[in-house]
C-alpha cells in the first residue's frame, strides 16, 4: 500500500503521517522506506542482508554434543572430588 501510494500518487512522508494518524510511524522511518522504494522499486530486503544462519549438520551436532558431555563430565568429577575431600563427620 505504501509503495503504491508513493509511486502512483507521489505521497511524501508528511502525507503518510497526515493520512495514517493512528500509526506510530516516524518521519525518519518513512523517509528511509520511501528512499528505498525510489531507489529499488521494492520494499523487500536485499538478499543476504539477514543474519547469517547456522547449519545443523551431523558434524556440528556431534561437536556440540561432545562439548556438552565434557562439561557434564567435568562438573560431575568436581562434585565427586569435593565430596571425598570433605570428612564424613564434618
N, C-alpha and C. Protein backbone atom coordinates (compact mmCIF):
# COMPACT_ATOMS: atom_id res chain seq x y z
N UNK A 1 0.82 -1.18 0.00
CA UNK A 1 0.00 0.00 0.00
C UNK A 1 0.87 1.25 0.00
N UNK A 2 1.91 1.28 0.86
CA UNK A 2 2.80 2.42 0.90
C UNK A 2 3.50 2.58 -0.45
N UNK A 3 3.95 1.48 -1.00
CA UNK A 3 4.64 1.51 -2.28
C UNK A 3 3.73 2.08 -3.36
N UNK A 4 2.48 1.62 -3.40
CA UNK A 4 1.54 2.09 -4.42
C UNK A 4 1.22 3.57 -4.25
N UNK A 5 1.00 4.00 -3.02
CA UNK A 5 0.69 5.41 -2.80
C UNK A 5 1.89 6.29 -3.17
N UNK A 6 3.08 5.82 -2.90
CA UNK A 6 4.28 6.58 -3.25
C UNK A 6 4.45 6.67 -4.76
N UNK A 7 4.31 5.54 -5.44
CA UNK A 7 4.57 5.52 -6.87
C UNK A 7 3.42 6.11 -7.70
N UNK A 8 2.18 5.88 -7.27
CA UNK A 8 1.03 6.34 -8.07
C UNK A 8 0.65 7.79 -7.75
N UNK A 9 0.67 8.14 -6.47
CA UNK A 9 0.18 9.46 -6.08
C UNK A 9 1.27 10.38 -5.55
N UNK A 10 2.51 9.87 -5.44
CA UNK A 10 3.61 10.72 -5.02
C UNK A 10 3.55 11.15 -3.55
N UNK A 11 3.00 10.29 -2.71
CA UNK A 11 2.93 10.61 -1.28
C UNK A 11 4.33 10.85 -0.71
N UNK A 12 4.42 11.81 0.18
CA UNK A 12 5.66 12.07 0.91
C UNK A 12 5.50 11.53 2.33
N UNK A 13 6.56 11.60 3.11
CA UNK A 13 6.49 11.12 4.49
C UNK A 13 5.42 11.90 5.25
N UNK A 14 5.37 13.20 5.03
CA UNK A 14 4.37 14.04 5.71
C UNK A 14 2.96 13.64 5.28
N UNK A 15 2.78 13.32 4.01
CA UNK A 15 1.46 12.89 3.52
C UNK A 15 1.01 11.62 4.23
N UNK A 16 1.94 10.68 4.38
CA UNK A 16 1.61 9.44 5.07
C UNK A 16 1.26 9.70 6.53
N UNK A 17 2.00 10.57 7.19
CA UNK A 17 1.72 10.86 8.60
C UNK A 17 0.35 11.50 8.77
N UNK A 18 -0.04 12.37 7.85
CA UNK A 18 -1.37 13.00 7.92
C UNK A 18 -2.48 11.99 7.64
N UNK A 19 -2.26 11.15 6.64
CA UNK A 19 -3.28 10.19 6.21
C UNK A 19 -3.49 9.07 7.24
N UNK A 20 -2.39 8.61 7.86
CA UNK A 20 -2.46 7.47 8.78
C UNK A 20 -2.04 7.92 10.18
N UNK A 21 -2.85 8.73 10.80
CA UNK A 21 -2.52 9.30 12.11
C UNK A 21 -2.46 8.26 13.22
N UNK A 22 -3.18 7.16 13.07
CA UNK A 22 -3.23 6.16 14.14
C UNK A 22 -1.99 5.26 14.15
N UNK A 23 -1.21 5.30 13.07
CA UNK A 23 0.01 4.50 13.02
C UNK A 23 1.09 5.21 13.82
N UNK A 24 1.99 4.47 14.40
CA UNK A 24 3.09 5.05 15.17
C UNK A 24 4.34 5.16 14.29
N UNK A 25 4.17 5.73 13.10
CA UNK A 25 5.28 5.89 12.18
C UNK A 25 6.04 7.17 12.50
N UNK A 26 7.33 7.15 12.19
CA UNK A 26 8.13 8.37 12.34
C UNK A 26 8.49 8.89 10.95
N UNK A 27 8.73 10.18 10.88
CA UNK A 27 9.07 10.78 9.60
C UNK A 27 10.39 10.19 9.08
N UNK A 28 11.35 10.00 9.98
CA UNK A 28 12.64 9.44 9.57
C UNK A 28 12.50 8.02 9.03
N UNK A 29 11.70 7.21 9.70
CA UNK A 29 11.49 5.84 9.24
C UNK A 29 10.81 5.80 7.89
N UNK A 30 9.82 6.67 7.71
CA UNK A 30 9.13 6.73 6.42
C UNK A 30 10.06 7.22 5.33
N UNK A 31 10.87 8.24 5.64
CA UNK A 31 11.81 8.75 4.63
C UNK A 31 12.77 7.66 4.18
N UNK A 32 13.25 6.86 5.12
CA UNK A 32 14.16 5.75 4.77
C UNK A 32 13.45 4.76 3.85
N UNK A 33 12.22 4.42 4.19
CA UNK A 33 11.45 3.47 3.38
C UNK A 33 11.15 4.05 2.00
N UNK A 34 10.78 5.32 1.94
CA UNK A 34 10.46 5.94 0.66
C UNK A 34 11.70 6.06 -0.23
N UNK A 35 12.85 6.33 0.36
CA UNK A 35 14.10 6.36 -0.41
C UNK A 35 14.39 5.00 -1.00
N UNK A 36 14.13 3.95 -0.22
CA UNK A 36 14.35 2.60 -0.71
C UNK A 36 13.40 2.27 -1.86
N UNK A 37 12.15 2.68 -1.72
CA UNK A 37 11.17 2.44 -2.79
C UNK A 37 11.61 3.17 -4.05
N UNK A 38 12.06 4.42 -3.90
CA UNK A 38 12.50 5.19 -5.06
C UNK A 38 13.74 4.56 -5.71
N UNK A 39 14.64 4.05 -4.88
CA UNK A 39 15.90 3.50 -5.38
C UNK A 39 15.71 2.13 -6.04
N UNK A 40 14.92 1.26 -5.39
CA UNK A 40 14.82 -0.13 -5.86
C UNK A 40 13.47 -0.47 -6.47
N UNK A 41 12.45 0.32 -6.16
CA UNK A 41 11.11 0.00 -6.63
C UNK A 41 10.45 -1.10 -5.82
N UNK A 42 11.03 -1.43 -4.67
CA UNK A 42 10.52 -2.53 -3.86
C UNK A 42 10.72 -2.20 -2.38
N UNK A 43 9.97 -2.90 -1.53
CA UNK A 43 10.15 -2.76 -0.09
C UNK A 43 10.81 -4.00 0.50
N UNK A 44 11.18 -4.95 -0.38
CA UNK A 44 11.80 -6.19 0.08
C UNK A 44 13.22 -5.96 0.53
N UNK A 45 13.68 -6.80 1.44
CA UNK A 45 15.06 -6.74 1.89
C UNK A 45 15.98 -7.25 0.80
N UNK A 46 17.20 -6.76 0.82
CA UNK A 46 18.21 -7.23 -0.13
C UNK A 46 18.61 -8.65 0.27
N UNK A 47 18.77 -9.50 -0.71
CA UNK A 47 19.17 -10.88 -0.45
C UNK A 47 20.52 -10.89 0.27
N UNK A 48 20.59 -11.64 1.36
CA UNK A 48 21.82 -11.75 2.12
C UNK A 48 21.97 -10.71 3.21
N UNK A 49 20.96 -9.85 3.40
CA UNK A 49 21.08 -8.82 4.43
C UNK A 49 20.63 -9.31 5.80
N UNK A 50 20.05 -10.50 5.84
CA UNK A 50 19.60 -11.06 7.11
C UNK A 50 20.80 -11.58 7.91
N UNK A 51 20.52 -11.97 9.13
CA UNK A 51 21.54 -12.57 9.97
C UNK A 51 21.96 -13.91 9.38
N UNK A 52 23.26 -14.19 9.34
CA UNK A 52 23.70 -15.48 8.80
C UNK A 52 23.11 -16.64 9.61
N UNK A 53 22.70 -17.66 8.92
CA UNK A 53 22.11 -18.82 9.59
C UNK A 53 23.17 -19.88 9.85
N UNK A 54 23.04 -20.55 10.96
CA UNK A 54 23.94 -21.65 11.24
C UNK A 54 23.34 -22.92 10.64
N UNK A 55 24.19 -23.85 10.38
CA UNK A 55 23.74 -25.09 9.75
C UNK A 55 23.87 -26.23 10.74
N UNK A 56 22.81 -27.00 10.88
CA UNK A 56 22.84 -28.16 11.79
C UNK A 56 23.23 -29.39 11.00
N UNK A 57 24.51 -29.51 10.75
CA UNK A 57 24.99 -30.71 10.08
C UNK A 57 25.28 -31.77 11.14
N UNK A 58 25.43 -32.98 10.69
CA UNK A 58 25.73 -34.07 11.63
C UNK A 58 27.05 -33.80 12.35
N UNK A 59 28.01 -33.25 11.63
CA UNK A 59 29.30 -32.93 12.24
C UNK A 59 29.18 -31.87 13.32
N UNK A 60 28.41 -30.80 13.04
CA UNK A 60 28.22 -29.74 14.03
C UNK A 60 27.50 -30.26 15.27
N UNK A 61 26.49 -31.08 15.05
CA UNK A 61 25.73 -31.65 16.17
C UNK A 61 26.65 -32.52 17.03
N UNK A 62 27.50 -33.31 16.39
CA UNK A 62 28.42 -34.18 17.13
C UNK A 62 29.42 -33.36 17.95
N UNK A 63 29.92 -32.28 17.38
CA UNK A 63 30.88 -31.43 18.10
C UNK A 63 30.24 -30.82 19.33
N UNK A 64 29.03 -30.29 19.18
CA UNK A 64 28.34 -29.66 20.30
C UNK A 64 28.00 -30.70 21.36
N UNK A 65 27.58 -31.87 20.93
CA UNK A 65 27.26 -32.94 21.87
C UNK A 65 28.50 -33.35 22.66
N UNK A 66 29.63 -33.45 21.99
CA UNK A 66 30.88 -33.82 22.66
C UNK A 66 31.28 -32.75 23.68
N UNK A 67 31.13 -31.48 23.31
CA UNK A 67 31.45 -30.39 24.23
C UNK A 67 30.55 -30.44 25.47
N UNK A 68 29.27 -30.70 25.26
CA UNK A 68 28.33 -30.76 26.38
C UNK A 68 28.68 -31.91 27.32
N UNK A 69 29.04 -33.05 26.75
CA UNK A 69 29.40 -34.21 27.57
C UNK A 69 30.66 -33.93 28.37
N UNK A 70 31.62 -33.21 27.78
CA UNK A 70 32.84 -32.87 28.51
C UNK A 70 32.52 -31.97 29.69
N UNK A 71 31.63 -31.00 29.47
CA UNK A 71 31.24 -30.09 30.56
C UNK A 71 30.57 -30.87 31.68
N UNK A 72 29.68 -31.77 31.32
CA UNK A 72 28.99 -32.59 32.33
C UNK A 72 30.00 -33.45 33.08
N UNK A 73 30.94 -34.06 32.37
CA UNK A 73 31.96 -34.90 32.99
C UNK A 73 32.80 -34.09 33.97
N UNK A 74 33.20 -32.90 33.58
CA UNK A 74 34.00 -32.04 34.46
C UNK A 74 33.20 -31.67 35.71
N UNK A 75 31.92 -31.34 35.53
CA UNK A 75 31.08 -30.96 36.68
C UNK A 75 30.90 -32.13 37.64
N UNK A 76 30.63 -33.30 37.10
CA UNK A 76 30.44 -34.48 37.94
C UNK A 76 31.74 -34.83 38.65
N UNK A 77 32.87 -34.74 37.95
CA UNK A 77 34.17 -35.02 38.57
C UNK A 77 34.44 -34.06 39.71
N UNK A 78 34.10 -32.81 39.51
CA UNK A 78 34.32 -31.80 40.56
C UNK A 78 33.45 -32.10 41.78
N UNK A 79 32.23 -32.51 41.55
CA UNK A 79 31.32 -32.82 42.67
C UNK A 79 31.86 -34.00 43.47
N UNK A 80 32.31 -35.07 42.78
CA UNK A 80 32.81 -36.23 43.49
C UNK A 80 34.11 -35.93 44.22
N UNK A 81 34.97 -35.13 43.62
CA UNK A 81 36.24 -34.83 44.28
C UNK A 81 35.99 -33.99 45.53
N UNK A 82 35.04 -33.08 45.49
CA UNK A 82 34.71 -32.28 46.68
C UNK A 82 34.07 -33.17 47.73
N UNK A 83 33.22 -34.09 47.32
CA UNK A 83 32.53 -34.98 48.26
C UNK A 83 33.53 -35.80 49.06
N UNK A 84 34.59 -36.30 48.41
CA UNK A 84 35.55 -37.14 49.09
C UNK A 84 36.63 -36.35 49.82
N UNK A 85 36.75 -35.05 49.55
CA UNK A 85 37.70 -34.24 50.27
C UNK A 85 37.17 -33.78 51.63
N UNK A 86 35.86 -33.69 51.74
CA UNK A 86 35.23 -33.25 52.99
C UNK A 86 35.08 -34.47 53.91
N UNK A 87 35.55 -34.41 55.12
CA UNK A 87 35.39 -35.54 56.05
C UNK A 87 33.91 -35.87 56.26
N UNK A 88 33.60 -37.14 56.42
CA UNK A 88 32.22 -37.57 56.55
C UNK A 88 31.55 -37.09 57.83
N UNK A 89 32.32 -36.88 58.92
CA UNK A 89 31.71 -36.43 60.17
C UNK A 89 31.72 -34.92 60.30
N UNK A 90 31.97 -34.24 59.26
CA UNK A 90 32.06 -32.78 59.30
C UNK A 90 30.70 -32.15 59.30
